[in-house]
Amino acid sequence: MTLSAFLAGLLAETLRDPRSAARRLLALDPPMEARWIGLLLISVLTLIAAKLMLASVPAEEIQPWEQVWANAWAGLPIQIASLVLFAVAVTWIGSLFGGTGRFSDALLAVTWVQGVMLVPQAVQILIFPVLPGVSGLIALGSVVLFFYLLSQFICVVHGFRSAVAVFFGVIGTLLALGIVLAVLFTMLGVLPVGPEA
């Protein structure tokens, strides 16, 4: 089986039966170097997708933080750091609740789910210029899909049963990560520190 055929099959399985796909992915047990390379590749592809999306948006509607996120020199390190920090949080918080997952597996799961999200994002990029309303619905659906898949994958990583409990844990973790990124953006001068006089 070729790599492209394997990835296509794993993608289909992820959408059809995410827990089965997660077990199949973790069973591969790739070396740590491969996991880091995968993280870097997905981060680069996410950056490219962000730049393509912003290219179809009027300049006056682009927010400063979006420009930073799509900038190779700032956005790529932030994207990588975000995924790594989230994998660390998934590992640590999961262990507090009796989870048995390793950081390496959390990193692999987070990276794969982020990669899967590039598919609806690509569709969104293609239809935004002609059907912006539909593109917005796809974006909303992508958010739901992201939380669903991530919750299922974390259940497999840590051996949890309740995806609902994991879902709320994911929400809390992302809120904390969002605060960290907001502070970082403010320090970079791309977010206002208060109302203008």
N, C-alpha and C. Protein backbone atom coordinates (compact mmCIF):
# COMPACT_ATOMS: atom_id res chain seq x y z
N MET A 1 0.84 -1.20 0.00
CA MET A 1 0.00 0.00 0.00
C MET A 1 0.88 1.25 0.00
N THR A 2 0.57 2.18 -0.90
CA THR A 2 1.34 3.42 -0.96
C THR A 2 0.99 4.32 0.22
N LEU A 3 1.88 5.29 0.48
CA LEU A 3 1.65 6.21 1.59
C LEU A 3 0.37 7.02 1.39
N SER A 4 0.15 7.48 0.15
CA SER A 4 -1.05 8.28 -0.13
C SER A 4 -2.32 7.46 0.09
N ALA A 5 -2.29 6.18 -0.31
CA ALA A 5 -3.46 5.32 -0.12
C ALA A 5 -3.70 5.07 1.37
N PHE A 6 -2.61 4.88 2.12
CA PHE A 6 -2.75 4.67 3.56
C PHE A 6 -3.34 5.89 4.24
N LEU A 7 -2.82 7.08 3.89
CA LEU A 7 -3.31 8.31 4.51
C LEU A 7 -4.77 8.56 4.15
N ALA A 8 -5.13 8.28 2.89
CA ALA A 8 -6.52 8.46 2.47
C ALA A 8 -7.44 7.51 3.24
N GLY A 9 -6.99 6.28 3.42
CA GLY A 9 -7.79 5.33 4.18
C GLY A 9 -7.92 5.72 5.64
N LEU A 10 -6.81 6.21 6.22
CA LEU A 10 -6.84 6.64 7.62
C LEU A 10 -7.73 7.87 7.79
N LEU A 11 -7.70 8.76 6.79
CA LEU A 11 -8.57 9.93 6.83
C LEU A 11 -10.03 9.52 6.82
N ALA A 12 -10.39 8.61 5.92
CA ALA A 12 -11.77 8.14 5.85
C ALA A 12 -12.18 7.46 7.15
N GLU A 13 -11.29 6.68 7.72
CA GLU A 13 -11.59 5.99 8.97
C GLU A 13 -11.73 6.99 10.12
N THR A 14 -10.93 8.06 10.07
CA THR A 14 -11.01 9.09 11.11
C THR A 14 -12.39 9.72 11.14
N LEU A 15 -12.96 9.96 9.98
CA LEU A 15 -14.28 10.57 9.90
C LEU A 15 -15.39 9.57 10.22
N ARG A 16 -15.15 8.31 9.90
CA ARG A 16 -16.17 7.27 10.09
C ARG A 16 -16.14 6.69 11.51
N ASP A 17 -14.95 6.40 12.00
CA ASP A 17 -14.77 5.77 13.32
C ASP A 17 -13.48 6.30 13.93
N PRO A 18 -13.53 7.50 14.52
CA PRO A 18 -12.30 8.15 15.00
C PRO A 18 -11.52 7.34 16.03
N ARG A 19 -12.18 6.61 16.89
CA ARG A 19 -11.44 5.84 17.90
C ARG A 19 -10.66 4.70 17.25
N SER A 20 -11.26 4.06 16.28
CA SER A 20 -10.56 3.01 15.55
C SER A 20 -9.36 3.58 14.81
N ALA A 21 -9.55 4.75 14.19
CA ALA A 21 -8.46 5.41 13.48
C ALA A 21 -7.34 5.80 14.44
N ALA A 22 -7.72 6.27 15.62
CA ALA A 22 -6.72 6.66 16.61
C ALA A 22 -5.89 5.46 17.05
N ARG A 23 -6.55 4.34 17.29
CA ARG A 23 -5.82 3.12 17.67
C ARG A 23 -4.89 2.67 16.55
N ARG A 24 -5.36 2.78 15.34
CA ARG A 24 -4.54 2.39 14.18
C ARG A 24 -3.33 3.31 14.04
N LEU A 25 -3.56 4.60 14.26
CA LEU A 25 -2.47 5.58 14.15
C LEU A 25 -1.42 5.35 15.23
N LEU A 26 -1.87 5.18 16.47
CA LEU A 26 -0.93 5.00 17.57
C LEU A 26 -0.18 3.67 17.46
N ALA A 27 -0.83 2.67 16.86
CA ALA A 27 -0.19 1.36 16.70
C ALA A 27 1.00 1.43 15.75
N LEU A 28 1.03 2.44 14.89
CA LEU A 28 2.17 2.61 14.00
C LEU A 28 3.45 2.88 14.79
N ASP A 29 3.29 3.60 15.89
CA ASP A 29 4.40 3.94 16.79
C ASP A 29 5.63 4.44 16.02
N PRO A 30 5.46 5.53 15.26
CA PRO A 30 6.61 6.05 14.51
C PRO A 30 7.66 6.61 15.46
N PRO A 31 8.92 6.70 15.03
CA PRO A 31 9.95 7.28 15.88
C PRO A 31 9.65 8.75 16.18
N MET A 32 10.23 9.25 17.26
CA MET A 32 9.94 10.62 17.68
C MET A 32 10.32 11.63 16.60
N GLU A 33 11.40 11.33 15.88
CA GLU A 33 11.82 12.25 14.81
C GLU A 33 10.72 12.40 13.76
N ALA A 34 10.06 11.29 13.43
CA ALA A 34 8.98 11.33 12.44
C ALA A 34 7.80 12.14 12.96
N ARG A 35 7.54 12.06 14.26
CA ARG A 35 6.43 12.83 14.84
C ARG A 35 6.71 14.33 14.76
N TRP A 36 7.97 14.71 15.03
CA TRP A 36 8.33 16.12 14.94
C TRP A 36 8.27 16.61 13.50
N ILE A 37 8.72 15.78 12.57
CA ILE A 37 8.65 16.15 11.15
C ILE A 37 7.20 16.32 10.72
N GLY A 38 6.34 15.42 11.18
CA GLY A 38 4.91 15.53 10.87
C GLY A 38 4.32 16.82 11.43
N LEU A 39 4.72 17.16 12.65
CA LEU A 39 4.25 18.41 13.26
C LEU A 39 4.67 19.61 12.43
N LEU A 40 5.94 19.62 12.01
CA LEU A 40 6.45 20.72 11.20
C LEU A 40 5.71 20.81 9.87
N LEU A 41 5.50 19.66 9.22
CA LEU A 41 4.82 19.64 7.93
C LEU A 41 3.39 20.16 8.04
N ILE A 42 2.66 19.70 9.04
CA ILE A 42 1.28 20.15 9.22
C ILE A 42 1.24 21.63 9.56
N SER A 43 2.20 22.10 10.33
CA SER A 43 2.25 23.52 10.69
C SER A 43 2.49 24.38 9.45
N VAL A 44 3.38 23.92 8.56
CA VAL A 44 3.64 24.65 7.32
C VAL A 44 2.40 24.66 6.43
N LEU A 45 1.74 23.52 6.30
CA LEU A 45 0.52 23.45 5.48
C LEU A 45 -0.59 24.32 6.06
N THR A 46 -0.68 24.37 7.39
CA THR A 46 -1.68 25.23 8.04
C THR A 46 -1.39 26.70 7.75
N LEU A 47 -0.10 27.06 7.77
CA LEU A 47 0.30 28.43 7.46
C LEU A 47 -0.05 28.78 6.02
N ILE A 48 0.24 27.88 5.09
CA ILE A 48 -0.08 28.11 3.68
C ILE A 48 -1.59 28.28 3.50
N ALA A 49 -2.37 27.44 4.17
CA ALA A 49 -3.83 27.54 4.08
C ALA A 49 -4.31 28.88 4.61
N ALA A 50 -3.71 29.35 5.70
CA ALA A 50 -4.09 30.64 6.26
C ALA A 50 -3.79 31.77 5.29
N LYS A 51 -2.63 31.71 4.63
CA LYS A 51 -2.26 32.75 3.66
C LYS A 51 -3.21 32.73 2.46
N LEU A 52 -3.56 31.54 1.99
CA LEU A 52 -4.48 31.44 0.86
C LEU A 52 -5.86 31.98 1.22
N MET A 53 -6.30 31.70 2.44
CA MET A 53 -7.60 32.18 2.88
C MET A 53 -7.62 33.70 2.96
N LEU A 54 -6.56 34.28 3.51
CA LEU A 54 -6.50 35.73 3.65
C LEU A 54 -6.37 36.42 2.30
N ALA A 55 -5.81 35.72 1.31
CA ALA A 55 -5.65 36.30 -0.02
C ALA A 55 -6.99 36.61 -0.67
N SER A 56 -8.04 35.94 -0.24
CA SER A 56 -9.37 36.16 -0.82
C SER A 56 -10.22 37.10 0.03
N VAL A 57 -9.64 37.64 1.10
CA VAL A 57 -10.36 38.54 1.99
C VAL A 57 -9.89 39.97 1.74
N PRO A 58 -10.81 40.94 1.63
CA PRO A 58 -10.40 42.34 1.47
C PRO A 58 -9.44 42.76 2.57
N ALA A 59 -8.42 43.54 2.20
CA ALA A 59 -7.36 43.91 3.14
C ALA A 59 -7.91 44.61 4.37
N GLU A 60 -8.95 45.43 4.19
CA GLU A 60 -9.48 46.19 5.32
C GLU A 60 -10.22 45.31 6.32
N GLU A 61 -10.55 44.09 5.93
CA GLU A 61 -11.27 43.18 6.83
C GLU A 61 -10.34 42.22 7.58
N ILE A 62 -9.06 42.25 7.23
CA ILE A 62 -8.10 41.35 7.87
C ILE A 62 -7.68 41.92 9.22
N GLN A 63 -7.81 41.12 10.25
CA GLN A 63 -7.42 41.53 11.60
C GLN A 63 -5.91 41.40 11.78
N PRO A 64 -5.32 42.23 12.66
CA PRO A 64 -3.86 42.16 12.89
C PRO A 64 -3.38 40.78 13.29
N TRP A 65 -4.15 40.10 14.17
CA TRP A 65 -3.71 38.78 14.62
C TRP A 65 -3.74 37.77 13.48
N GLU A 66 -4.65 37.98 12.50
CA GLU A 66 -4.69 37.09 11.35
C GLU A 66 -3.46 37.27 10.48
N GLN A 67 -3.00 38.52 10.36
CA GLN A 67 -1.79 38.79 9.60
C GLN A 67 -0.58 38.13 10.24
N VAL A 68 -0.52 38.19 11.57
CA VAL A 68 0.59 37.54 12.29
C VAL A 68 0.53 36.04 12.09
N TRP A 69 -0.67 35.46 12.20
CA TRP A 69 -0.84 34.01 12.10
C TRP A 69 -0.42 33.50 10.72
N ALA A 70 -0.62 34.33 9.68
CA ALA A 70 -0.29 33.92 8.32
C ALA A 70 1.11 34.33 7.90
N ASN A 71 1.85 34.99 8.81
CA ASN A 71 3.21 35.41 8.52
C ASN A 71 4.18 34.26 8.82
N ALA A 72 5.05 33.96 7.86
CA ALA A 72 5.93 32.80 8.03
C ALA A 72 6.86 32.95 9.23
N TRP A 73 7.36 34.16 9.46
CA TRP A 73 8.35 34.35 10.52
C TRP A 73 7.72 34.35 11.90
N ALA A 74 6.48 34.76 12.00
CA ALA A 74 5.81 34.79 13.31
C ALA A 74 4.78 33.66 13.42
N GLY A 75 4.02 33.46 12.37
CA GLY A 75 2.93 32.49 12.43
C GLY A 75 3.39 31.05 12.57
N LEU A 76 4.47 30.69 11.87
CA LEU A 76 4.94 29.30 11.94
C LEU A 76 5.42 28.92 13.34
N PRO A 77 6.28 29.73 13.97
CA PRO A 77 6.66 29.39 15.35
C PRO A 77 5.47 29.35 16.30
N ILE A 78 4.52 30.25 16.11
CA ILE A 78 3.34 30.27 16.99
C ILE A 78 2.51 29.01 16.77
N GLN A 79 2.34 28.61 15.51
CA GLN A 79 1.58 27.40 15.20
C GLN A 79 2.24 26.17 15.82
N ILE A 80 3.54 26.05 15.65
CA ILE A 80 4.27 24.91 16.21
C ILE A 80 4.17 24.91 17.73
N ALA A 81 4.43 26.08 18.33
CA ALA A 81 4.37 26.18 19.79
C ALA A 81 2.98 25.85 20.32
N SER A 82 1.95 26.29 19.59
CA SER A 82 0.57 26.04 20.03
C SER A 82 0.27 24.54 20.07
N LEU A 83 0.67 23.83 19.01
CA LEU A 83 0.42 22.39 18.96
C LEU A 83 1.21 21.64 20.03
N VAL A 84 2.47 22.06 20.23
CA VAL A 84 3.30 21.41 21.25
C VAL A 84 2.74 21.66 22.64
N LEU A 85 2.39 22.92 22.92
CA LEU A 85 1.82 23.25 24.23
C LEU A 85 0.52 22.50 24.47
N PHE A 86 -0.28 22.38 23.42
CA PHE A 86 -1.55 21.66 23.58
C PHE A 86 -1.30 20.18 23.85
N ALA A 87 -0.32 19.60 23.16
CA ALA A 87 0.02 18.20 23.40
C ALA A 87 0.53 18.00 24.82
N VAL A 88 1.32 18.96 25.30
CA VAL A 88 1.81 18.91 26.69
C VAL A 88 0.63 18.97 27.66
N ALA A 89 -0.30 19.89 27.38
CA ALA A 89 -1.47 20.04 28.25
C ALA A 89 -2.34 18.79 28.23
N VAL A 90 -2.52 18.20 27.05
CA VAL A 90 -3.30 16.97 26.94
C VAL A 90 -2.67 15.86 27.78
N THR A 91 -1.35 15.76 27.71
CA THR A 91 -0.64 14.73 28.47
C THR A 91 -0.76 14.97 29.97
N TRP A 92 -0.48 16.20 30.38
CA TRP A 92 -0.44 16.52 31.81
C TRP A 92 -1.82 16.46 32.45
N ILE A 93 -2.79 17.14 31.82
CA ILE A 93 -4.14 17.18 32.39
C ILE A 93 -4.76 15.78 32.37
N GLY A 94 -4.52 15.03 31.31
CA GLY A 94 -5.03 13.67 31.26
C GLY A 94 -4.47 12.81 32.38
N SER A 95 -3.19 12.99 32.68
CA SER A 95 -2.57 12.20 33.76
C SER A 95 -3.16 12.55 35.12
N LEU A 96 -3.61 13.80 35.28
CA LEU A 96 -4.22 14.20 36.55
C LEU A 96 -5.53 13.45 36.80
N PHE A 97 -6.17 13.02 35.73
CA PHE A 97 -7.45 12.31 35.85
C PHE A 97 -7.29 10.81 35.59
N GLY A 98 -6.08 10.33 35.77
CA GLY A 98 -5.85 8.90 35.66
C GLY A 98 -5.51 8.40 34.27
N GLY A 99 -5.26 9.32 33.35
CA GLY A 99 -4.91 8.91 31.99
C GLY A 99 -3.53 8.29 31.93
N THR A 100 -3.32 7.45 30.94
CA THR A 100 -2.05 6.73 30.81
C THR A 100 -1.29 7.13 29.54
N GLY A 101 -1.74 8.17 28.86
CA GLY A 101 -1.13 8.56 27.60
C GLY A 101 0.24 9.17 27.75
N ARG A 102 1.05 8.99 26.71
CA ARG A 102 2.39 9.57 26.65
C ARG A 102 2.35 10.87 25.84
N PHE A 103 3.33 11.73 26.08
CA PHE A 103 3.42 12.97 25.31
C PHE A 103 3.57 12.67 23.82
N SER A 104 4.38 11.68 23.50
CA SER A 104 4.62 11.35 22.09
C SER A 104 3.33 10.97 21.38
N ASP A 105 2.46 10.25 22.06
CA ASP A 105 1.18 9.87 21.45
C ASP A 105 0.22 11.06 21.38
N ALA A 106 0.24 11.90 22.41
CA ALA A 106 -0.60 13.11 22.38
C ALA A 106 -0.17 14.01 21.23
N LEU A 107 1.14 14.13 21.03
CA LEU A 107 1.66 14.94 19.94
C LEU A 107 1.22 14.38 18.59
N LEU A 108 1.29 13.07 18.44
CA LEU A 108 0.87 12.43 17.19
C LEU A 108 -0.62 12.63 16.94
N ALA A 109 -1.42 12.48 17.98
CA ALA A 109 -2.87 12.64 17.84
C ALA A 109 -3.25 14.07 17.48
N VAL A 110 -2.66 15.03 18.19
CA VAL A 110 -2.96 16.45 17.94
C VAL A 110 -2.53 16.83 16.52
N THR A 111 -1.36 16.35 16.11
CA THR A 111 -0.87 16.66 14.77
C THR A 111 -1.79 16.08 13.69
N TRP A 112 -2.22 14.84 13.87
CA TRP A 112 -3.09 14.20 12.88
C TRP A 112 -4.43 14.92 12.78
N VAL A 113 -5.04 15.23 13.91
CA VAL A 113 -6.33 15.92 13.89
C VAL A 113 -6.19 17.28 13.20
N GLN A 114 -5.10 17.99 13.49
CA GLN A 114 -4.86 19.27 12.83
C GLN A 114 -4.72 19.07 11.33
N GLY A 115 -4.07 17.99 10.93
CA GLY A 115 -3.93 17.70 9.51
C GLY A 115 -5.27 17.39 8.85
N VAL A 116 -6.12 16.65 9.55
CA VAL A 116 -7.45 16.35 9.02
C VAL A 116 -8.24 17.63 8.78
N MET A 117 -8.06 18.61 9.66
CA MET A 117 -8.81 19.85 9.54
C MET A 117 -8.41 20.66 8.31
N LEU A 118 -7.29 20.31 7.69
CA LEU A 118 -6.90 21.01 6.47
C LEU A 118 -7.84 20.69 5.31
N VAL A 119 -8.53 19.55 5.39
CA VAL A 119 -9.44 19.15 4.30
C VAL A 119 -10.64 20.11 4.21
N PRO A 120 -11.42 20.30 5.29
CA PRO A 120 -12.51 21.28 5.18
C PRO A 120 -12.00 22.70 4.96
N GLN A 121 -10.80 22.99 5.45
CA GLN A 121 -10.25 24.32 5.23
C GLN A 121 -9.95 24.54 3.75
N ALA A 122 -9.48 23.50 3.07
CA ALA A 122 -9.22 23.61 1.64
C ALA A 122 -10.52 23.85 0.87
N VAL A 123 -11.58 23.16 1.26
CA VAL A 123 -12.89 23.37 0.64
C VAL A 123 -13.36 24.80 0.89
N GLN A 124 -13.15 25.27 2.10
CA GLN A 124 -13.55 26.62 2.46
C GLN A 124 -12.82 27.65 1.60
N ILE A 125 -11.53 27.44 1.37
CA ILE A 125 -10.74 28.36 0.54
C ILE A 125 -11.27 28.40 -0.88
N LEU A 126 -11.66 27.25 -1.41
CA LEU A 126 -12.10 27.16 -2.80
C LEU A 126 -13.44 27.86 -3.02
N ILE A 127 -14.35 27.76 -2.06
CA ILE A 127 -15.70 28.30 -2.30
C ILE A 127 -15.91 29.68 -1.70
N PHE A 128 -14.97 30.17 -0.87
CA PHE A 128 -15.17 31.46 -0.23
C PHE A 128 -15.38 32.60 -1.24
N PRO A 129 -14.59 32.68 -2.33
CA PRO A 129 -14.78 33.80 -3.26
C PRO A 129 -16.16 33.85 -3.90
N VAL A 130 -16.82 32.70 -4.07
CA VAL A 130 -18.12 32.69 -4.75
C VAL A 130 -19.30 32.47 -3.80
N LEU A 131 -19.06 31.76 -2.70
CA LEU A 131 -20.13 31.48 -1.74
C LEU A 131 -19.62 31.71 -0.32
N PRO A 132 -19.40 32.97 0.04
CA PRO A 132 -18.85 33.25 1.38
C PRO A 132 -19.74 32.76 2.51
N GLY A 133 -21.06 32.79 2.29
CA GLY A 133 -21.97 32.32 3.34
C GLY A 133 -21.80 30.83 3.61
N VAL A 134 -21.69 30.05 2.54
CA VAL A 134 -21.48 28.61 2.68
C VAL A 134 -20.12 28.33 3.31
N SER A 135 -19.14 29.15 2.93
CA SER A 135 -17.81 29.01 3.52
C SER A 135 -17.85 29.21 5.02
N GLY A 136 -18.67 30.16 5.47
CA GLY A 136 -18.82 30.38 6.90
C GLY A 136 -19.44 29.19 7.61
N LEU A 137 -20.41 28.55 6.95
CA LEU A 137 -21.03 27.35 7.53
C LEU A 137 -20.02 26.21 7.63
N ILE A 138 -19.17 26.10 6.62
CA ILE A 138 -18.13 25.07 6.66
C ILE A 138 -17.17 25.34 7.81
N ALA A 139 -16.84 26.61 8.02
CA ALA A 139 -15.95 26.98 9.13
C ALA A 139 -16.57 26.58 10.46
N LEU A 140 -17.87 26.83 10.59
CA LEU A 140 -18.57 26.46 11.83
C LEU A 140 -18.58 24.94 12.00
N GLY A 141 -18.87 24.23 10.92
CA GLY A 141 -18.86 22.78 10.99
C GLY A 141 -17.48 22.23 11.31
N SER A 142 -16.45 22.92 10.83
CA SER A 142 -15.08 22.48 11.09
C SER A 142 -14.75 22.56 12.57
N VAL A 143 -15.27 23.59 13.23
CA VAL A 143 -15.03 23.73 14.67
C VAL A 143 -15.65 22.55 15.42
N VAL A 144 -16.89 22.22 15.05
CA VAL A 144 -17.57 21.08 15.69
C VAL A 144 -16.80 19.79 15.43
N LEU A 145 -16.38 19.60 14.18
CA LEU A 145 -15.63 18.40 13.81
C LEU A 145 -14.31 18.31 14.58
N PHE A 146 -13.64 19.44 14.72
CA PHE A 146 -12.36 19.47 15.44
C PHE A 146 -12.51 18.98 16.87
N PHE A 147 -13.49 19.54 17.58
CA PHE A 147 -13.69 19.15 18.98
C PHE A 147 -14.11 17.68 19.09
N TYR A 148 -14.94 17.24 18.16
CA TYR A 148 -15.39 15.85 18.18
C TYR A 148 -14.23 14.88 17.98
N LEU A 149 -13.45 15.12 16.93
CA LEU A 149 -12.34 14.23 16.63
C LEU A 149 -11.29 14.25 17.73
N LEU A 150 -10.97 15.45 18.20
CA LEU A 150 -9.93 15.57 19.22
C LEU A 150 -10.34 14.85 20.51
N SER A 151 -11.60 15.00 20.88
CA SER A 151 -12.09 14.33 22.09
C SER A 151 -11.98 12.81 21.96
N GLN A 152 -12.34 12.29 20.79
CA GLN A 152 -12.27 10.85 20.56
C GLN A 152 -10.83 10.35 20.57
N PHE A 153 -9.94 11.10 19.95
CA PHE A 153 -8.53 10.70 19.91
C PHE A 153 -7.90 10.74 21.30
N ILE A 154 -8.25 11.75 22.09
CA ILE A 154 -7.70 11.84 23.44
C ILE A 154 -8.19 10.68 24.29
N CYS A 155 -9.43 10.27 24.08
CA CYS A 155 -9.95 9.10 24.81
C CYS A 155 -9.07 7.88 24.56
N VAL A 156 -8.65 7.70 23.32
CA VAL A 156 -7.80 6.55 22.99
C VAL A 156 -6.40 6.73 23.57
N VAL A 157 -5.86 7.94 23.47
CA VAL A 157 -4.51 8.21 23.99
C VAL A 157 -4.42 7.89 25.48
N HIS A 158 -5.44 8.31 26.23
CA HIS A 158 -5.40 8.17 27.69
C HIS A 158 -6.18 6.97 28.22
N GLY A 159 -6.92 6.29 27.37
CA GLY A 159 -7.71 5.17 27.85
C GLY A 159 -8.99 5.60 28.54
N PHE A 160 -9.48 6.80 28.22
CA PHE A 160 -10.73 7.28 28.79
C PHE A 160 -11.91 6.69 28.01
N ARG A 161 -13.07 6.67 28.67
CA ARG A 161 -14.29 6.19 28.02
C ARG A 161 -15.22 7.33 27.62
N SER A 162 -15.34 8.33 28.48
CA SER A 162 -16.31 9.40 28.26
C SER A 162 -15.73 10.51 27.39
N ALA A 163 -16.23 10.60 26.16
CA ALA A 163 -15.79 11.67 25.27
C ALA A 163 -16.36 13.01 25.72
N VAL A 164 -17.49 12.99 26.43
CA VAL A 164 -18.10 14.24 26.90
C VAL A 164 -17.20 14.91 27.93
N ALA A 165 -16.69 14.13 28.89
CA ALA A 165 -15.79 14.68 29.89
C ALA A 165 -14.52 15.21 29.24
N VAL A 166 -14.01 14.47 28.27
CA VAL A 166 -12.81 14.91 27.55
C VAL A 166 -13.09 16.19 26.79
N PHE A 167 -14.29 16.29 26.20
CA PHE A 167 -14.67 17.49 25.46
C PHE A 167 -14.54 18.74 26.33
N PHE A 168 -15.08 18.68 27.55
CA PHE A 168 -14.99 19.84 28.43
C PHE A 168 -13.55 20.11 28.85
N GLY A 169 -12.76 19.05 28.98
CA GLY A 169 -11.35 19.23 29.27
C GLY A 169 -10.63 19.93 28.13
N VAL A 170 -11.00 19.58 26.90
CA VAL A 170 -10.42 20.22 25.72
C VAL A 170 -10.79 21.69 25.68
N ILE A 171 -12.06 22.00 25.97
CA ILE A 171 -12.51 23.39 25.99
C ILE A 171 -11.68 24.20 26.98
N GLY A 172 -11.52 23.67 28.20
CA GLY A 172 -10.75 24.37 29.22
C GLY A 172 -9.30 24.56 28.81
N THR A 173 -8.72 23.54 28.21
CA THR A 173 -7.33 23.63 27.78
C THR A 173 -7.15 24.67 26.69
N LEU A 174 -8.07 24.69 25.72
CA LEU A 174 -7.98 25.67 24.64
C LEU A 174 -8.21 27.09 25.13
N LEU A 175 -9.08 27.25 26.12
CA LEU A 175 -9.28 28.58 26.69
C LEU A 175 -8.00 29.07 27.34
N ALA A 176 -7.34 28.19 28.08
CA ALA A 176 -6.08 28.56 28.73
C ALA A 176 -5.02 28.90 27.68
N LEU A 177 -4.95 28.07 26.63
CA LEU A 177 -3.99 28.33 25.56
C LEU A 177 -4.32 29.63 24.84
N GLY A 178 -5.61 29.91 24.67
CA GLY A 178 -6.02 31.16 24.04
C GLY A 178 -5.58 32.38 24.83
N ILE A 179 -5.64 32.28 26.15
CA ILE A 179 -5.19 33.38 27.00
C ILE A 179 -3.70 33.60 26.82
N VAL A 180 -2.94 32.50 26.77
CA VAL A 180 -1.49 32.60 26.58
C VAL A 180 -1.18 33.27 25.24
N LEU A 181 -1.88 32.86 24.18
CA LEU A 181 -1.65 33.45 22.86
C LEU A 181 -2.08 34.91 22.82
N ALA A 182 -3.17 35.24 23.52
CA ALA A 182 -3.62 36.63 23.56
C ALA A 182 -2.57 37.52 24.22
N VAL A 183 -1.97 37.02 25.29
CA VAL A 183 -0.89 37.77 25.95
C VAL A 183 0.29 37.93 25.01
N LEU A 184 0.62 36.85 24.28
CA LEU A 184 1.73 36.90 23.34
C LEU A 184 1.46 37.90 22.23
N PHE A 185 0.25 37.88 21.66
CA PHE A 185 -0.10 38.82 20.60
C PHE A 185 -0.06 40.26 21.11
N THR A 186 -0.50 40.46 22.34
CA THR A 186 -0.46 41.80 22.92
C THR A 186 0.97 42.28 23.06
N MET A 187 1.86 41.39 23.49
CA MET A 187 3.27 41.75 23.62
C MET A 187 3.89 42.07 22.27
N LEU A 188 3.38 41.40 21.21
CA LEU A 188 3.87 41.67 19.86
C LEU A 188 3.25 42.93 19.26
N GLY A 189 2.25 43.48 19.96
CA GLY A 189 1.62 44.71 19.51
C GLY A 189 0.56 44.53 18.45
N VAL A 190 0.00 43.33 18.34
CA VAL A 190 -1.02 43.09 17.32
C VAL A 190 -2.41 43.01 17.91
N LEU A 191 -2.54 43.11 19.22
CA LEU A 191 -3.83 43.18 19.87
C LEU A 191 -3.87 44.42 20.75
N PRO A 192 -4.98 45.14 20.76
CA PRO A 192 -5.07 46.33 21.60
C PRO A 192 -5.05 45.96 23.07
N VAL A 193 -4.41 46.80 23.88
CA VAL A 193 -4.34 46.55 25.31
C VAL A 193 -5.51 47.18 26.04
N GLY A 194 -6.30 47.99 25.35
CA GLY A 194 -7.43 48.63 25.99
C GLY A 194 -8.17 49.49 25.00
N PRO A 195 -9.31 50.07 25.39
CA PRO A 195 -10.06 50.91 24.47
C PRO A 195 -9.29 52.16 24.11
N GLU A 196 -9.44 52.56 22.85
CA GLU A 196 -8.77 53.77 22.41
C GLU A 196 -9.46 54.99 23.00
N ALA A 197 -8.67 56.02 23.26
CA ALA A 197 -9.21 57.25 23.84
C ALA A 197 -9.97 58.03 22.78
